Each structure stands twice: as structure tokens, then as C-alpha cells.
């Protein structure tokens, strides 16, 4: 859009801003996911169990039962 020889912006400028924001959001979201996936190892089952006990999701009795199962499974068949 020209007005007296000067560019006024109009929808063209808003369109560029919109697409710049969309690309920025997509790149930021993808970067965050790949950072978690590649940067940190996954929790072991025992770590998950400890975290659940600490947060109160399971009782100490449930923790001991499940830990015994994990210990039994990690030693393999006898």
C-alpha cells in the first residue's frame, strides 16, 4: 500500500509478523522436545517408584511390594 509515495505497511507487514511468530513457536516447541529427549536419560523403574513414594502417590507398603517385584525381575529366572 502506497500513500504519497511512502509504504504504509498494511496487511503485508502483519502477514510477515504472523508467519515469523508461527515459525518461532514451532521451532521453540521442537527444540524443547528434542532437548528433553536427547539431553536426559529416561528414569529407571526404581526412580519412578521412589518419585511416586515421595509425592504420596503410593504408600510405603505399596513401595516395598513393588520394589520387591522389581528386584525379583532384575535377577532373572532362577
N, C-alpha and C. Protein backbone atom coordinates (compact mmCIF):
# COMPACT_ATOMS: atom_id res chain seq x y z
N UNK A 1 0.83 -1.18 0.00
CA UNK A 1 0.00 0.00 0.00
C UNK A 1 0.88 1.24 0.00
N UNK A 2 0.66 2.11 -0.95
CA UNK A 2 1.44 3.33 -1.03
C UNK A 2 0.54 4.52 -0.77
N UNK A 3 1.04 5.43 -0.02
CA UNK A 3 0.31 6.66 0.24
C UNK A 3 1.30 7.80 0.09
N UNK A 4 1.12 8.60 -0.90
CA UNK A 4 2.04 9.70 -1.21
C UNK A 4 3.48 9.21 -1.36
N UNK A 5 3.64 8.05 -1.96
CA UNK A 5 4.98 7.55 -2.22
C UNK A 5 5.64 6.84 -1.05
N UNK A 6 4.98 6.75 0.10
CA UNK A 6 5.58 6.08 1.26
C UNK A 6 4.84 4.78 1.53
N UNK A 7 5.58 3.74 1.85
CA UNK A 7 4.96 2.44 2.15
C UNK A 7 4.33 2.50 3.54
N UNK A 8 3.07 2.10 3.62
CA UNK A 8 2.35 2.21 4.88
C UNK A 8 2.26 0.87 5.63
N UNK A 9 2.77 -0.19 5.07
CA UNK A 9 2.73 -1.46 5.79
C UNK A 9 1.51 -2.25 5.43
N UNK A 10 0.40 -1.97 6.04
CA UNK A 10 -0.83 -2.67 5.75
C UNK A 10 -0.78 -4.13 6.15
N UNK A 11 -1.54 -4.95 5.47
CA UNK A 11 -1.62 -6.37 5.79
C UNK A 11 -0.32 -7.10 5.48
N UNK A 12 0.47 -6.57 4.57
CA UNK A 12 1.72 -7.21 4.22
C UNK A 12 2.62 -7.33 5.46
N UNK A 13 2.77 -6.26 6.20
CA UNK A 13 3.62 -6.27 7.40
C UNK A 13 3.04 -7.21 8.45
N UNK A 14 1.75 -7.22 8.64
CA UNK A 14 1.12 -8.11 9.63
C UNK A 14 1.27 -9.58 9.21
N UNK A 15 1.23 -9.82 7.91
CA UNK A 15 1.41 -11.19 7.42
C UNK A 15 2.81 -11.71 7.73
N UNK A 16 3.82 -10.88 7.53
CA UNK A 16 5.18 -11.29 7.86
C UNK A 16 5.34 -11.52 9.35
N UNK A 17 4.76 -10.67 10.15
CA UNK A 17 4.84 -10.82 11.60
C UNK A 17 4.15 -12.11 12.03
N UNK A 18 2.99 -12.40 11.47
CA UNK A 18 2.26 -13.62 11.81
C UNK A 18 3.09 -14.85 11.51
N UNK A 19 3.67 -14.93 10.30
CA UNK A 19 4.44 -16.11 9.94
C UNK A 19 5.74 -16.21 10.73
N UNK A 20 6.34 -15.11 11.07
CA UNK A 20 7.55 -15.14 11.91
C UNK A 20 7.22 -15.71 13.28
N UNK A 21 6.07 -15.31 13.84
CA UNK A 21 5.65 -15.85 15.14
C UNK A 21 5.34 -17.33 15.06
N UNK A 22 4.65 -17.75 14.00
CA UNK A 22 4.32 -19.17 13.84
C UNK A 22 5.59 -20.01 13.75
N UNK A 23 6.54 -19.57 12.95
CA UNK A 23 7.79 -20.31 12.80
C UNK A 23 8.56 -20.32 14.12
N UNK A 24 8.57 -19.21 14.83
CA UNK A 24 9.24 -19.14 16.13
C UNK A 24 8.64 -20.10 17.13
N UNK A 25 7.32 -20.18 17.19
CA UNK A 25 6.66 -21.10 18.12
C UNK A 25 6.97 -22.54 17.75
N UNK A 26 6.92 -22.89 16.48
CA UNK A 26 7.20 -24.26 16.05
C UNK A 26 8.64 -24.64 16.37
N UNK A 27 9.58 -23.76 16.09
CA UNK A 27 10.98 -24.04 16.38
C UNK A 27 11.22 -24.17 17.87
N UNK A 28 10.63 -23.29 18.66
CA UNK A 28 10.81 -23.34 20.11
C UNK A 28 10.21 -24.62 20.68
N UNK A 29 9.04 -25.01 20.23
CA UNK A 29 8.39 -26.23 20.73
C UNK A 29 9.21 -27.46 20.33
N UNK A 30 9.71 -27.51 19.13
CA UNK A 30 10.52 -28.64 18.69
C UNK A 30 11.84 -28.71 19.42
N UNK A 31 12.45 -27.57 19.69
CA UNK A 31 13.71 -27.52 20.41
C UNK A 31 13.53 -28.03 21.83
N UNK A 32 12.44 -27.67 22.47
CA UNK A 32 12.18 -28.12 23.84
C UNK A 32 12.00 -29.61 23.91
N UNK A 33 11.32 -30.20 22.96
CA UNK A 33 11.11 -31.65 22.96
C UNK A 33 12.40 -32.39 22.71
N UNK A 34 13.18 -31.95 21.75
CA UNK A 34 14.42 -32.66 21.45
C UNK A 34 15.42 -32.50 22.58
N UNK A 35 15.38 -31.40 23.28
CA UNK A 35 16.27 -31.20 24.42
C UNK A 35 15.99 -32.19 25.52
N UNK A 36 14.73 -32.45 25.79
CA UNK A 36 14.38 -33.42 26.84
C UNK A 36 14.72 -34.83 26.39
N UNK A 37 14.45 -35.14 25.14
CA UNK A 37 14.66 -36.49 24.64
C UNK A 37 16.14 -36.83 24.60
N UNK A 38 16.95 -35.92 24.09
CA UNK A 38 18.35 -36.24 23.91
C UNK A 38 19.23 -35.88 25.10
N UNK A 39 18.81 -34.94 25.92
CA UNK A 39 19.67 -34.44 26.97
C UNK A 39 19.61 -35.22 28.27
N UNK A 40 18.51 -35.83 28.58
CA UNK A 40 18.35 -36.50 29.85
C UNK A 40 17.98 -37.97 29.64
N UNK A 41 18.64 -38.86 30.37
CA UNK A 41 18.25 -40.26 30.26
C UNK A 41 16.88 -40.49 30.88
N UNK A 42 16.22 -41.52 30.43
CA UNK A 42 14.90 -41.84 30.99
C UNK A 42 15.05 -42.34 32.41
N UNK A 43 14.00 -42.14 33.20
CA UNK A 43 14.00 -42.63 34.57
C UNK A 43 13.95 -44.15 34.58
N UNK A 44 14.66 -44.74 35.50
CA UNK A 44 14.57 -46.19 35.67
C UNK A 44 13.28 -46.49 36.43
N UNK A 45 12.79 -47.72 36.35
CA UNK A 45 11.58 -48.06 37.11
C UNK A 45 11.71 -47.80 38.60
N UNK A 46 12.91 -48.03 39.16
CA UNK A 46 13.10 -47.78 40.59
C UNK A 46 13.03 -46.28 40.90
N UNK A 47 13.56 -45.45 40.01
CA UNK A 47 13.48 -43.99 40.20
C UNK A 47 12.04 -43.52 40.14
N UNK A 48 11.26 -44.09 39.23
CA UNK A 48 9.84 -43.74 39.13
C UNK A 48 9.13 -44.13 40.43
N UNK A 49 9.45 -45.31 40.92
CA UNK A 49 8.83 -45.79 42.15
C UNK A 49 9.18 -44.88 43.33
N UNK A 50 10.44 -44.48 43.44
CA UNK A 50 10.87 -43.58 44.52
C UNK A 50 10.17 -42.22 44.41
N UNK A 51 10.05 -41.72 43.19
CA UNK A 51 9.38 -40.43 42.99
C UNK A 51 7.92 -40.50 43.38
N UNK A 52 7.26 -41.61 43.03
CA UNK A 52 5.84 -41.77 43.38
C UNK A 52 5.65 -41.87 44.88
N UNK A 53 6.57 -42.53 45.59
CA UNK A 53 6.50 -42.61 47.04
C UNK A 53 6.69 -41.22 47.65
N UNK A 54 7.67 -40.49 47.14
CA UNK A 54 7.96 -39.15 47.67
C UNK A 54 6.81 -38.19 47.45
N UNK A 55 6.10 -38.34 46.34
CA UNK A 55 4.98 -37.42 46.06
C UNK A 55 3.69 -37.85 46.74
N UNK A 56 3.69 -39.04 47.37
CA UNK A 56 2.49 -39.50 48.08
C UNK A 56 1.51 -40.27 47.22
N UNK A 57 1.90 -40.61 46.01
CA UNK A 57 1.00 -41.37 45.13
C UNK A 57 0.80 -42.79 45.63
N UNK A 58 1.83 -43.35 46.27
CA UNK A 58 1.73 -44.71 46.79
C UNK A 58 2.16 -44.71 48.26
N UNK A 59 1.74 -45.72 48.99
CA UNK A 59 2.09 -45.85 50.40
C UNK A 59 3.43 -46.57 50.52
N UNK A 60 4.06 -46.47 51.69
CA UNK A 60 5.32 -47.21 51.88
C UNK A 60 5.15 -48.72 51.68
N UNK A 61 4.00 -49.26 52.07
CA UNK A 61 3.76 -50.69 51.88
C UNK A 61 3.71 -51.03 50.38
N UNK A 62 3.01 -50.21 49.59
CA UNK A 62 2.96 -50.42 48.15
C UNK A 62 4.36 -50.29 47.54
N UNK A 63 5.13 -49.34 48.05
CA UNK A 63 6.50 -49.15 47.57
C UNK A 63 7.31 -50.43 47.77
N UNK A 64 7.27 -50.98 49.00
CA UNK A 64 8.04 -52.19 49.30
C UNK A 64 7.61 -53.37 48.43
N UNK A 65 6.30 -53.52 48.23
CA UNK A 65 5.79 -54.63 47.39
C UNK A 65 6.30 -54.51 45.96
N UNK A 66 6.21 -53.32 45.43
CA UNK A 66 6.61 -53.11 44.03
C UNK A 66 8.12 -53.17 43.87
N UNK A 67 8.85 -52.68 44.87
CA UNK A 67 10.31 -52.77 44.82
C UNK A 67 10.74 -54.23 44.85
N UNK A 68 10.07 -55.05 45.66
CA UNK A 68 10.41 -56.47 45.70
C UNK A 68 10.17 -57.12 44.33
N UNK A 69 9.10 -56.73 43.66
CA UNK A 69 8.84 -57.24 42.31
C UNK A 69 9.94 -56.83 41.34
N UNK A 70 10.35 -55.58 41.43
CA UNK A 70 11.42 -55.10 40.54
C UNK A 70 12.73 -55.83 40.82
N UNK A 71 13.04 -56.02 42.10
CA UNK A 71 14.26 -56.74 42.46
C UNK A 71 14.21 -58.18 41.96
N UNK A 72 13.05 -58.79 42.09
CA UNK A 72 12.90 -60.18 41.63
C UNK A 72 13.06 -60.27 40.11
N UNK A 73 12.46 -59.30 39.40
CA UNK A 73 12.54 -59.31 37.94
C UNK A 73 13.95 -59.00 37.44
N UNK A 74 14.70 -58.19 38.19
CA UNK A 74 16.03 -57.82 37.72
C UNK A 74 17.04 -58.96 37.89
N UNK A 75 16.77 -59.89 38.80
CA UNK A 75 17.71 -61.00 38.98
C UNK A 75 17.48 -62.09 37.96
N UNK A 76 16.32 -62.09 37.31
CA UNK A 76 16.05 -63.06 36.28
C UNK A 76 15.54 -64.37 36.85
N UNK A 77 15.19 -65.30 35.98
CA UNK A 77 14.67 -66.59 36.46
C UNK A 77 15.79 -67.42 37.10
N UNK A 78 15.43 -68.12 38.16
CA UNK A 78 16.43 -68.95 38.85
C UNK A 78 16.21 -70.41 38.61
